N, C-alpha and C. Protein backbone atom coordinates (compact mmCIF):
# COMPACT_ATOMS: atom_id res chain seq x y z
N MET A 1 9.57 14.67 8.35
CA MET A 1 10.97 14.52 7.96
C MET A 1 11.46 15.80 7.27
N SER A 2 12.63 16.23 7.67
CA SER A 2 13.21 17.45 7.06
C SER A 2 13.72 17.16 5.66
N GLU A 3 14.16 18.21 5.03
CA GLU A 3 14.70 18.10 3.69
C GLU A 3 15.86 17.12 3.66
N LEU A 4 15.84 16.20 2.70
CA LEU A 4 16.89 15.19 2.61
C LEU A 4 18.05 15.71 1.74
N SER A 5 19.25 15.30 2.14
CA SER A 5 20.41 15.58 1.33
C SER A 5 20.35 14.64 0.09
N PRO A 6 21.18 14.90 -0.94
CA PRO A 6 21.16 13.92 -2.04
C PRO A 6 21.49 12.49 -1.59
N GLY A 7 22.38 12.35 -0.66
CA GLY A 7 22.69 11.00 -0.14
C GLY A 7 21.49 10.39 0.60
N GLY A 8 20.80 11.21 1.36
CA GLY A 8 19.62 10.74 2.05
C GLY A 8 18.51 10.33 1.07
N GLN A 9 18.40 11.11 -0.01
CA GLN A 9 17.39 10.76 -1.03
C GLN A 9 17.76 9.45 -1.74
N ARG A 10 19.05 9.23 -2.03
CA ARG A 10 19.48 8.00 -2.63
C ARG A 10 19.22 6.83 -1.68
N LEU A 11 19.48 7.04 -0.43
CA LEU A 11 19.23 6.00 0.58
C LEU A 11 17.74 5.68 0.62
N LEU A 12 16.90 6.66 0.61
CA LEU A 12 15.45 6.44 0.62
C LEU A 12 15.01 5.67 -0.63
N ASP A 13 15.55 6.06 -1.76
CA ASP A 13 15.20 5.38 -3.02
C ASP A 13 15.64 3.91 -3.02
N VAL A 14 16.88 3.68 -2.59
CA VAL A 14 17.41 2.30 -2.51
C VAL A 14 16.62 1.50 -1.51
N ALA A 15 16.36 2.05 -0.36
CA ALA A 15 15.61 1.30 0.70
C ALA A 15 14.21 0.97 0.23
N THR A 16 13.57 1.87 -0.49
CA THR A 16 12.23 1.62 -1.02
C THR A 16 12.23 0.38 -1.93
N ARG A 17 13.21 0.34 -2.81
CA ARG A 17 13.31 -0.81 -3.73
C ARG A 17 13.71 -2.09 -3.02
N VAL A 18 14.77 -2.03 -2.21
CA VAL A 18 15.32 -3.25 -1.61
C VAL A 18 14.43 -3.80 -0.50
N PHE A 19 13.85 -2.97 0.32
CA PHE A 19 12.96 -3.47 1.37
C PHE A 19 11.80 -4.23 0.73
N TYR A 20 11.24 -3.73 -0.36
CA TYR A 20 10.13 -4.43 -0.99
C TYR A 20 10.58 -5.72 -1.66
N ALA A 21 11.68 -5.69 -2.34
CA ALA A 21 12.15 -6.89 -3.11
C ALA A 21 12.74 -7.95 -2.18
N GLU A 22 13.48 -7.55 -1.16
CA GLU A 22 14.20 -8.51 -0.35
C GLU A 22 13.67 -8.67 1.05
N GLY A 23 12.90 -7.72 1.55
CA GLY A 23 12.39 -7.79 2.90
C GLY A 23 13.12 -6.78 3.79
N ILE A 24 12.44 -6.30 4.79
CA ILE A 24 13.01 -5.32 5.71
C ILE A 24 14.02 -5.96 6.65
N ARG A 25 13.64 -7.03 7.29
CA ARG A 25 14.55 -7.68 8.23
C ARG A 25 15.76 -8.29 7.54
N ALA A 26 15.58 -8.75 6.31
CA ALA A 26 16.66 -9.38 5.59
C ALA A 26 17.68 -8.40 5.05
N THR A 27 17.32 -7.13 5.10
CA THR A 27 18.22 -6.08 4.56
C THR A 27 18.89 -5.33 5.66
N GLY A 28 20.20 -5.44 5.77
CA GLY A 28 20.93 -4.74 6.79
C GLY A 28 21.37 -3.34 6.37
N VAL A 29 21.74 -2.57 7.36
CA VAL A 29 22.20 -1.20 7.16
C VAL A 29 23.40 -1.20 6.23
N ASP A 30 24.33 -2.15 6.42
CA ASP A 30 25.51 -2.21 5.58
C ASP A 30 25.15 -2.34 4.11
N THR A 31 24.19 -3.20 3.82
CA THR A 31 23.75 -3.36 2.42
C THR A 31 23.15 -2.08 1.88
N LEU A 32 22.28 -1.43 2.65
CA LEU A 32 21.64 -0.22 2.19
C LEU A 32 22.64 0.91 1.88
N VAL A 33 23.56 1.13 2.80
CA VAL A 33 24.51 2.24 2.56
C VAL A 33 25.45 1.90 1.39
N ALA A 34 25.80 0.62 1.24
CA ALA A 34 26.68 0.25 0.12
C ALA A 34 25.95 0.48 -1.22
N LEU A 35 24.70 0.04 -1.29
CA LEU A 35 23.94 0.20 -2.54
C LEU A 35 23.66 1.67 -2.85
N ALA A 36 23.44 2.46 -1.81
CA ALA A 36 23.18 3.90 -2.00
C ALA A 36 24.46 4.70 -2.22
N GLY A 37 25.59 4.10 -1.91
CA GLY A 37 26.84 4.83 -2.04
C GLY A 37 27.01 5.95 -1.01
N VAL A 38 26.49 5.69 0.18
CA VAL A 38 26.60 6.67 1.26
C VAL A 38 27.21 5.97 2.48
N SER A 39 27.51 6.73 3.51
CA SER A 39 28.08 6.20 4.74
C SER A 39 26.98 5.97 5.77
N LYS A 40 27.32 5.14 6.77
CA LYS A 40 26.36 4.92 7.86
C LYS A 40 26.01 6.24 8.57
N PRO A 41 27.00 7.13 8.77
CA PRO A 41 26.60 8.42 9.41
C PRO A 41 25.53 9.15 8.61
N THR A 42 25.51 9.01 7.27
CA THR A 42 24.47 9.64 6.47
C THR A 42 23.11 9.10 6.84
N LEU A 43 23.03 7.74 6.95
CA LEU A 43 21.75 7.14 7.33
C LEU A 43 21.28 7.68 8.67
N TYR A 44 22.18 7.69 9.68
CA TYR A 44 21.81 8.12 11.01
C TYR A 44 21.53 9.63 11.08
N ALA A 45 22.25 10.44 10.32
CA ALA A 45 22.00 11.88 10.29
C ALA A 45 20.68 12.21 9.65
N GLN A 46 20.33 11.48 8.61
CA GLN A 46 19.11 11.75 7.84
C GLN A 46 17.86 11.12 8.48
N PHE A 47 18.02 9.93 9.05
CA PHE A 47 16.87 9.21 9.53
C PHE A 47 16.90 8.83 10.99
N GLY A 48 18.07 8.83 11.62
CA GLY A 48 18.20 8.50 13.03
C GLY A 48 18.36 7.04 13.29
N SER A 49 17.70 6.17 12.50
CA SER A 49 17.78 4.75 12.74
C SER A 49 17.23 4.02 11.49
N LYS A 50 17.49 2.76 11.44
CA LYS A 50 16.89 1.94 10.35
C LYS A 50 15.37 1.94 10.49
N GLU A 51 14.88 1.88 11.73
CA GLU A 51 13.44 1.87 11.97
C GLU A 51 12.79 3.15 11.40
N ASN A 52 13.43 4.27 11.60
CA ASN A 52 12.87 5.51 11.03
C ASN A 52 12.97 5.56 9.54
N LEU A 53 14.03 4.94 8.96
CA LEU A 53 14.12 4.83 7.52
C LEU A 53 12.99 3.98 6.95
N VAL A 54 12.67 2.87 7.62
CA VAL A 54 11.56 2.03 7.23
C VAL A 54 10.28 2.85 7.21
N ALA A 55 10.06 3.60 8.28
CA ALA A 55 8.82 4.44 8.38
C ALA A 55 8.81 5.50 7.28
N ALA A 56 9.97 6.08 6.95
CA ALA A 56 10.03 7.10 5.90
C ALA A 56 9.72 6.46 4.54
N VAL A 57 10.26 5.27 4.29
CA VAL A 57 9.99 4.55 3.03
C VAL A 57 8.47 4.33 2.92
N LEU A 58 7.88 3.82 3.94
CA LEU A 58 6.44 3.53 3.88
C LEU A 58 5.61 4.77 3.81
N ASP A 59 6.03 5.83 4.49
CA ASP A 59 5.24 7.09 4.46
C ASP A 59 5.29 7.69 3.05
N ARG A 60 6.45 7.67 2.40
CA ARG A 60 6.51 8.17 1.04
C ARG A 60 5.62 7.35 0.13
N ARG A 61 5.67 6.03 0.29
CA ARG A 61 4.84 5.14 -0.49
C ARG A 61 3.37 5.39 -0.22
N ARG A 62 2.99 5.61 1.05
CA ARG A 62 1.61 5.91 1.42
C ARG A 62 1.13 7.17 0.70
N ALA A 63 1.88 8.23 0.78
CA ALA A 63 1.47 9.48 0.15
C ALA A 63 1.33 9.33 -1.37
N SER A 64 2.27 8.64 -1.97
CA SER A 64 2.23 8.43 -3.41
C SER A 64 1.02 7.58 -3.82
N ARG A 65 0.77 6.50 -3.08
CA ARG A 65 -0.37 5.61 -3.43
C ARG A 65 -1.70 6.30 -3.19
N GLN A 66 -1.83 7.06 -2.10
CA GLN A 66 -3.10 7.73 -1.84
C GLN A 66 -3.34 8.78 -2.94
N ALA A 67 -2.36 9.52 -3.34
CA ALA A 67 -2.51 10.51 -4.41
C ALA A 67 -2.88 9.82 -5.73
N ALA A 68 -2.22 8.71 -6.03
CA ALA A 68 -2.48 8.01 -7.27
C ALA A 68 -3.93 7.44 -7.31
N LEU A 69 -4.37 6.93 -6.19
CA LEU A 69 -5.71 6.40 -6.13
C LEU A 69 -6.74 7.56 -6.31
N HIS A 70 -6.52 8.65 -5.65
CA HIS A 70 -7.45 9.78 -5.79
C HIS A 70 -7.46 10.32 -7.19
N ASP A 71 -6.32 10.37 -7.84
CA ASP A 71 -6.24 10.82 -9.25
C ASP A 71 -7.00 9.82 -10.15
N PHE A 72 -6.84 8.54 -9.89
CA PHE A 72 -7.52 7.51 -10.67
C PHE A 72 -9.03 7.66 -10.49
N LEU A 73 -9.49 7.84 -9.26
CA LEU A 73 -10.90 8.00 -9.01
C LEU A 73 -11.46 9.30 -9.59
N ASP A 74 -10.65 10.33 -9.63
CA ASP A 74 -11.08 11.58 -10.29
C ASP A 74 -11.32 11.36 -11.77
N GLU A 75 -10.47 10.53 -12.38
CA GLU A 75 -10.69 10.21 -13.81
C GLU A 75 -11.96 9.43 -14.00
N LYS A 76 -12.45 8.74 -13.01
CA LYS A 76 -13.65 7.93 -13.07
C LYS A 76 -14.87 8.69 -12.59
N ARG A 77 -14.76 9.99 -12.44
CA ARG A 77 -15.82 10.80 -11.83
C ARG A 77 -17.17 10.60 -12.55
N ALA A 78 -17.19 10.39 -13.84
CA ALA A 78 -18.42 10.24 -14.58
C ALA A 78 -19.06 8.88 -14.44
N ALA A 79 -18.33 7.93 -13.88
CA ALA A 79 -18.87 6.53 -13.73
C ALA A 79 -19.92 6.54 -12.63
N PRO A 80 -20.84 5.59 -12.67
CA PRO A 80 -21.79 5.48 -11.56
C PRO A 80 -21.06 5.22 -10.26
N PRO A 81 -21.62 5.65 -9.14
CA PRO A 81 -20.91 5.47 -7.84
C PRO A 81 -20.50 4.04 -7.55
N ALA A 82 -21.34 3.07 -7.82
CA ALA A 82 -20.96 1.66 -7.54
C ALA A 82 -19.82 1.26 -8.45
N GLY A 83 -19.82 1.78 -9.67
CA GLY A 83 -18.70 1.47 -10.58
C GLY A 83 -17.40 2.07 -10.09
N ARG A 84 -17.47 3.26 -9.50
CA ARG A 84 -16.25 3.91 -8.96
C ARG A 84 -15.74 3.07 -7.80
N LEU A 85 -16.63 2.55 -6.98
CA LEU A 85 -16.21 1.71 -5.86
C LEU A 85 -15.47 0.48 -6.35
N LEU A 86 -16.00 -0.17 -7.36
CA LEU A 86 -15.37 -1.37 -7.93
C LEU A 86 -14.08 -1.02 -8.70
N ALA A 87 -14.03 0.21 -9.17
CA ALA A 87 -12.81 0.66 -9.89
C ALA A 87 -11.57 0.63 -9.00
N VAL A 88 -11.74 0.73 -7.69
CA VAL A 88 -10.61 0.65 -6.79
C VAL A 88 -9.91 -0.68 -7.02
N PHE A 89 -10.64 -1.73 -7.26
CA PHE A 89 -10.04 -3.05 -7.49
C PHE A 89 -9.29 -3.05 -8.85
N ASP A 90 -9.80 -2.31 -9.83
CA ASP A 90 -9.10 -2.20 -11.12
C ASP A 90 -7.78 -1.49 -10.92
N TRP A 91 -7.80 -0.43 -10.13
CA TRP A 91 -6.56 0.32 -9.84
C TRP A 91 -5.54 -0.58 -9.18
N LEU A 92 -5.98 -1.36 -8.19
CA LEU A 92 -5.11 -2.30 -7.52
C LEU A 92 -4.57 -3.35 -8.47
N ALA A 93 -5.44 -3.80 -9.40
CA ALA A 93 -5.03 -4.86 -10.36
C ALA A 93 -3.88 -4.37 -11.22
N GLN A 94 -3.78 -3.07 -11.47
CA GLN A 94 -2.65 -2.55 -12.23
C GLN A 94 -1.31 -2.91 -11.56
N GLY A 95 -1.29 -2.72 -10.25
CA GLY A 95 -0.07 -3.05 -9.46
C GLY A 95 0.17 -4.54 -9.39
N HIS A 96 -0.93 -5.31 -9.25
CA HIS A 96 -0.79 -6.75 -9.15
C HIS A 96 -0.22 -7.33 -10.44
N GLY A 97 -0.44 -6.66 -11.56
CA GLY A 97 0.06 -7.17 -12.83
C GLY A 97 1.48 -6.80 -13.14
N ARG A 98 2.10 -5.92 -12.33
CA ARG A 98 3.46 -5.49 -12.59
C ARG A 98 4.50 -6.58 -12.28
N GLU A 99 5.49 -6.63 -13.07
CA GLU A 99 6.63 -7.54 -12.84
C GLU A 99 7.23 -7.26 -11.43
N GLY A 100 7.46 -8.29 -10.69
CA GLY A 100 8.07 -8.12 -9.36
C GLY A 100 7.07 -7.88 -8.24
N PHE A 101 5.78 -7.84 -8.55
CA PHE A 101 4.77 -7.61 -7.53
C PHE A 101 4.81 -8.76 -6.57
N ARG A 102 4.94 -8.49 -5.29
CA ARG A 102 4.97 -9.56 -4.27
C ARG A 102 4.07 -9.24 -3.07
N GLY A 103 2.94 -8.64 -3.38
CA GLY A 103 1.95 -8.34 -2.35
C GLY A 103 2.01 -6.91 -1.90
N CYS A 104 1.07 -6.56 -1.05
CA CYS A 104 0.98 -5.18 -0.52
C CYS A 104 2.20 -4.86 0.34
N PRO A 105 2.90 -3.80 0.02
CA PRO A 105 4.07 -3.45 0.82
C PRO A 105 3.77 -3.14 2.28
N PHE A 106 2.55 -2.67 2.54
CA PHE A 106 2.17 -2.32 3.90
C PHE A 106 1.84 -3.58 4.70
N THR A 107 1.14 -4.51 4.08
CA THR A 107 0.85 -5.76 4.74
C THR A 107 2.14 -6.54 4.97
N ASN A 108 2.99 -6.59 3.97
CA ASN A 108 4.26 -7.28 4.11
C ASN A 108 5.08 -6.69 5.26
N ALA A 109 5.10 -5.38 5.31
CA ALA A 109 5.84 -4.71 6.39
C ALA A 109 5.22 -5.01 7.74
N ALA A 110 3.93 -5.05 7.82
CA ALA A 110 3.25 -5.35 9.13
C ALA A 110 3.64 -6.74 9.60
N VAL A 111 3.76 -7.66 8.70
CA VAL A 111 4.14 -9.03 9.05
C VAL A 111 5.57 -9.04 9.57
N GLU A 112 6.45 -8.28 8.96
CA GLU A 112 7.85 -8.23 9.36
C GLU A 112 8.08 -7.41 10.66
N LEU A 113 7.17 -6.55 10.96
CA LEU A 113 7.34 -5.62 12.08
C LEU A 113 6.19 -5.79 13.09
N PRO A 114 6.19 -6.86 13.85
CA PRO A 114 5.09 -7.10 14.75
C PRO A 114 5.00 -6.16 15.95
N ASP A 115 6.06 -5.49 16.29
CA ASP A 115 6.06 -4.60 17.44
C ASP A 115 5.14 -3.40 17.20
N PRO A 116 4.06 -3.24 17.95
CA PRO A 116 3.15 -2.11 17.70
C PRO A 116 3.81 -0.77 17.93
N GLY A 117 4.95 -0.74 18.62
CA GLY A 117 5.65 0.50 18.86
C GLY A 117 6.63 0.91 17.78
N HIS A 118 6.81 0.04 16.78
CA HIS A 118 7.71 0.39 15.68
C HIS A 118 7.13 1.62 14.92
N PRO A 119 7.96 2.60 14.60
CA PRO A 119 7.44 3.83 13.95
C PRO A 119 6.75 3.56 12.64
N ALA A 120 7.04 2.46 11.94
CA ALA A 120 6.35 2.18 10.67
C ALA A 120 4.91 1.71 10.89
N ARG A 121 4.62 1.17 12.06
CA ARG A 121 3.26 0.68 12.32
C ARG A 121 2.19 1.75 12.19
N ALA A 122 2.51 2.96 12.64
CA ALA A 122 1.57 4.05 12.50
C ALA A 122 1.34 4.39 11.04
N VAL A 123 2.37 4.30 10.21
CA VAL A 123 2.23 4.59 8.79
C VAL A 123 1.36 3.51 8.12
N ILE A 124 1.64 2.28 8.46
CA ILE A 124 0.88 1.14 7.93
C ILE A 124 -0.61 1.32 8.29
N SER A 125 -0.90 1.61 9.51
CA SER A 125 -2.29 1.83 9.96
C SER A 125 -2.92 3.01 9.25
N ALA A 126 -2.17 4.07 9.06
CA ALA A 126 -2.67 5.23 8.34
C ALA A 126 -3.08 4.90 6.93
N TYR A 127 -2.20 4.15 6.22
CA TYR A 127 -2.50 3.79 4.83
C TYR A 127 -3.75 2.89 4.77
N LYS A 128 -3.81 1.85 5.57
CA LYS A 128 -4.93 0.95 5.56
C LYS A 128 -6.22 1.68 5.97
N GLY A 129 -6.10 2.58 6.92
CA GLY A 129 -7.25 3.34 7.34
C GLY A 129 -7.76 4.29 6.27
N ALA A 130 -6.84 4.89 5.54
CA ALA A 130 -7.26 5.79 4.46
C ALA A 130 -7.88 5.01 3.32
N LEU A 131 -7.38 3.83 3.03
CA LEU A 131 -7.98 2.99 1.99
C LEU A 131 -9.41 2.58 2.41
N ARG A 132 -9.54 2.16 3.67
CA ARG A 132 -10.87 1.80 4.18
C ARG A 132 -11.81 3.00 4.13
N ASP A 133 -11.32 4.17 4.50
CA ASP A 133 -12.14 5.40 4.46
C ASP A 133 -12.57 5.71 3.00
N THR A 134 -11.67 5.51 2.06
CA THR A 134 -12.03 5.73 0.65
C THR A 134 -13.15 4.77 0.22
N LEU A 135 -12.99 3.51 0.55
CA LEU A 135 -13.99 2.52 0.23
C LEU A 135 -15.33 2.85 0.88
N THR A 136 -15.26 3.26 2.13
CA THR A 136 -16.48 3.62 2.88
C THR A 136 -17.16 4.83 2.24
N GLY A 137 -16.37 5.84 1.88
CA GLY A 137 -16.92 7.03 1.24
C GLY A 137 -17.58 6.70 -0.10
N LEU A 138 -16.95 5.85 -0.87
CA LEU A 138 -17.52 5.47 -2.17
C LEU A 138 -18.82 4.63 -1.96
N ALA A 139 -18.82 3.79 -0.94
CA ALA A 139 -20.03 3.01 -0.63
C ALA A 139 -21.16 3.96 -0.21
N ARG A 140 -20.82 4.99 0.54
CA ARG A 140 -21.81 5.96 0.98
C ARG A 140 -22.33 6.73 -0.25
N GLU A 141 -21.45 7.13 -1.11
CA GLU A 141 -21.87 7.89 -2.35
C GLU A 141 -22.78 6.98 -3.20
N ALA A 142 -22.55 5.69 -3.18
CA ALA A 142 -23.37 4.77 -3.98
C ALA A 142 -24.70 4.43 -3.28
N GLY A 143 -24.90 4.98 -2.05
CA GLY A 143 -26.12 4.74 -1.35
C GLY A 143 -26.25 3.34 -0.81
N LEU A 144 -25.12 2.65 -0.61
CA LEU A 144 -25.17 1.29 -0.14
C LEU A 144 -25.40 1.25 1.37
N ALA A 145 -26.06 0.22 1.83
CA ALA A 145 -26.36 0.06 3.25
C ALA A 145 -25.08 -0.18 4.05
N GLU A 146 -25.08 0.37 5.25
CA GLU A 146 -23.97 0.19 6.21
C GLU A 146 -22.60 0.39 5.56
N PRO A 147 -22.35 1.58 5.07
CA PRO A 147 -21.11 1.84 4.32
C PRO A 147 -19.82 1.59 5.12
N GLU A 148 -19.86 1.85 6.44
CA GLU A 148 -18.66 1.62 7.26
C GLU A 148 -18.33 0.13 7.28
N ASP A 149 -19.36 -0.68 7.54
CA ASP A 149 -19.14 -2.13 7.55
C ASP A 149 -18.70 -2.62 6.17
N LEU A 150 -19.30 -2.08 5.11
CA LEU A 150 -18.95 -2.49 3.76
C LEU A 150 -17.50 -2.09 3.45
N GLY A 151 -17.11 -0.89 3.84
CA GLY A 151 -15.72 -0.47 3.61
C GLY A 151 -14.73 -1.38 4.30
N TYR A 152 -15.07 -1.80 5.48
CA TYR A 152 -14.21 -2.75 6.23
C TYR A 152 -14.17 -4.08 5.52
N ALA A 153 -15.31 -4.58 5.08
CA ALA A 153 -15.38 -5.88 4.39
C ALA A 153 -14.63 -5.85 3.05
N LEU A 154 -14.74 -4.75 2.32
CA LEU A 154 -14.02 -4.63 1.06
C LEU A 154 -12.51 -4.59 1.27
N LEU A 155 -12.08 -3.90 2.37
CA LEU A 155 -10.65 -3.89 2.66
C LEU A 155 -10.19 -5.30 3.01
N MET A 156 -11.03 -6.08 3.66
CA MET A 156 -10.63 -7.49 3.94
C MET A 156 -10.51 -8.29 2.66
N LEU A 157 -11.37 -8.04 1.68
CA LEU A 157 -11.21 -8.69 0.40
C LEU A 157 -9.89 -8.32 -0.27
N ILE A 158 -9.56 -7.05 -0.21
CA ILE A 158 -8.30 -6.58 -0.79
C ILE A 158 -7.09 -7.19 -0.07
N ASP A 159 -7.16 -7.20 1.24
CA ASP A 159 -6.04 -7.79 2.01
C ASP A 159 -5.95 -9.29 1.73
N GLY A 160 -7.09 -9.95 1.57
CA GLY A 160 -7.08 -11.37 1.20
C GLY A 160 -6.47 -11.62 -0.15
N ALA A 161 -6.76 -10.77 -1.13
CA ALA A 161 -6.19 -10.91 -2.44
C ALA A 161 -4.68 -10.70 -2.39
N ASN A 162 -4.23 -9.74 -1.57
CA ASN A 162 -2.80 -9.54 -1.40
C ASN A 162 -2.14 -10.77 -0.74
N ALA A 163 -2.81 -11.36 0.18
CA ALA A 163 -2.28 -12.58 0.82
C ALA A 163 -2.18 -13.73 -0.20
N ARG A 164 -3.11 -13.82 -1.10
CA ARG A 164 -3.04 -14.88 -2.13
C ARG A 164 -1.81 -14.72 -2.98
N VAL A 165 -1.41 -13.49 -3.23
CA VAL A 165 -0.18 -13.25 -4.02
C VAL A 165 1.02 -13.79 -3.24
N VAL A 166 1.08 -13.47 -1.96
CA VAL A 166 2.24 -13.87 -1.14
C VAL A 166 2.25 -15.41 -0.95
N VAL A 167 1.08 -16.00 -0.71
CA VAL A 167 1.02 -17.41 -0.38
C VAL A 167 1.23 -18.32 -1.62
N ASP A 168 0.55 -17.96 -2.74
CA ASP A 168 0.67 -18.89 -3.88
C ASP A 168 0.87 -18.18 -5.19
N GLY A 169 1.24 -16.91 -5.17
CA GLY A 169 1.55 -16.21 -6.43
C GLY A 169 0.36 -15.89 -7.28
N ASP A 170 -0.84 -15.94 -6.77
CA ASP A 170 -2.03 -15.68 -7.57
C ASP A 170 -2.21 -14.16 -7.78
N ARG A 171 -1.68 -13.69 -8.92
CA ARG A 171 -1.79 -12.26 -9.21
C ARG A 171 -3.08 -11.86 -9.84
N THR A 172 -4.03 -12.81 -9.99
CA THR A 172 -5.36 -12.52 -10.46
C THR A 172 -6.36 -12.45 -9.28
N ALA A 173 -5.88 -12.68 -8.09
CA ALA A 173 -6.76 -12.71 -6.90
C ALA A 173 -7.53 -11.41 -6.72
N ILE A 174 -6.92 -10.30 -7.08
CA ILE A 174 -7.62 -9.00 -6.90
C ILE A 174 -8.85 -8.93 -7.82
N LEU A 175 -8.77 -9.55 -8.99
CA LEU A 175 -9.95 -9.57 -9.88
C LEU A 175 -11.05 -10.49 -9.32
N LYS A 176 -10.63 -11.56 -8.66
CA LYS A 176 -11.59 -12.43 -8.00
C LYS A 176 -12.23 -11.67 -6.82
N ALA A 177 -11.42 -10.88 -6.12
CA ALA A 177 -11.94 -10.07 -5.02
C ALA A 177 -12.93 -9.02 -5.57
N LYS A 178 -12.63 -8.46 -6.76
CA LYS A 178 -13.55 -7.51 -7.35
C LYS A 178 -14.89 -8.16 -7.67
N ALA A 179 -14.87 -9.40 -8.21
CA ALA A 179 -16.10 -10.11 -8.51
C ALA A 179 -16.88 -10.38 -7.25
N ALA A 180 -16.19 -10.74 -6.17
CA ALA A 180 -16.87 -10.94 -4.89
C ALA A 180 -17.47 -9.63 -4.36
N ALA A 181 -16.76 -8.54 -4.53
CA ALA A 181 -17.24 -7.25 -4.11
C ALA A 181 -18.52 -6.86 -4.90
N ALA A 182 -18.48 -7.15 -6.17
CA ALA A 182 -19.62 -6.81 -7.04
C ALA A 182 -20.86 -7.61 -6.59
N ARG A 183 -20.64 -8.88 -6.24
CA ARG A 183 -21.75 -9.68 -5.69
C ARG A 183 -22.25 -9.09 -4.35
N MET A 184 -21.31 -8.68 -3.51
CA MET A 184 -21.70 -8.13 -2.20
C MET A 184 -22.59 -6.92 -2.33
N ILE A 185 -22.29 -6.10 -3.34
CA ILE A 185 -23.09 -4.83 -3.47
C ILE A 185 -24.22 -4.95 -4.50
N GLY A 186 -24.37 -6.14 -5.08
CA GLY A 186 -25.45 -6.35 -6.05
C GLY A 186 -25.22 -5.62 -7.33
N HIS A 187 -23.99 -5.42 -7.75
CA HIS A 187 -23.67 -4.67 -8.97
C HIS A 187 -23.50 -5.61 -10.14
N THR A 188 -24.17 -5.30 -11.24
CA THR A 188 -23.96 -6.03 -12.48
C THR A 188 -23.60 -5.02 -13.57
N ASP A 189 -22.87 -5.46 -14.56
CA ASP A 189 -22.47 -4.59 -15.64
C ASP A 189 -23.52 -4.47 -16.69
N GLY A 190 -24.55 -5.26 -16.65
CA GLY A 190 -25.50 -5.23 -17.76
C GLY A 190 -26.79 -4.71 -17.34
């Protein structure tokens, strides 16, 4: 994406907030441009379509979340490798505890955008793939057996915890997923 105009940036900021709070399909272009204080031509000049705006919102969120996770893990560099792996769940728990948290924005978007050709689907896959790769790498550093399979299984625990938030509002599910992960890898704190 090229450099955004101030109006394009406002539109991206508004869309990030509103898509997550209200849903992608439930939010029309008219609502977005009105809230951002821009015209429809600004949306189309900056993003080309609502679909591309959705992809831009998720891509910005992907980059921000990946950087934040890596910064968090860098702060945990002195922890034992298995502890760093489980710390990913602690990092996610910070988000789950925030007011207004309504599940993983990438999973929520995937549910709303079933067309595999939608431009946001590649961004969603990239984010989930990077998270799985991080989990796999941490499992490998910890010397755990079958790190690729473990990374996949841990991502399923995370996705399941996010689903519990959406289904029944259980914002502690990520901590339950962490406990299950600890049992899977045979990690104890004592």
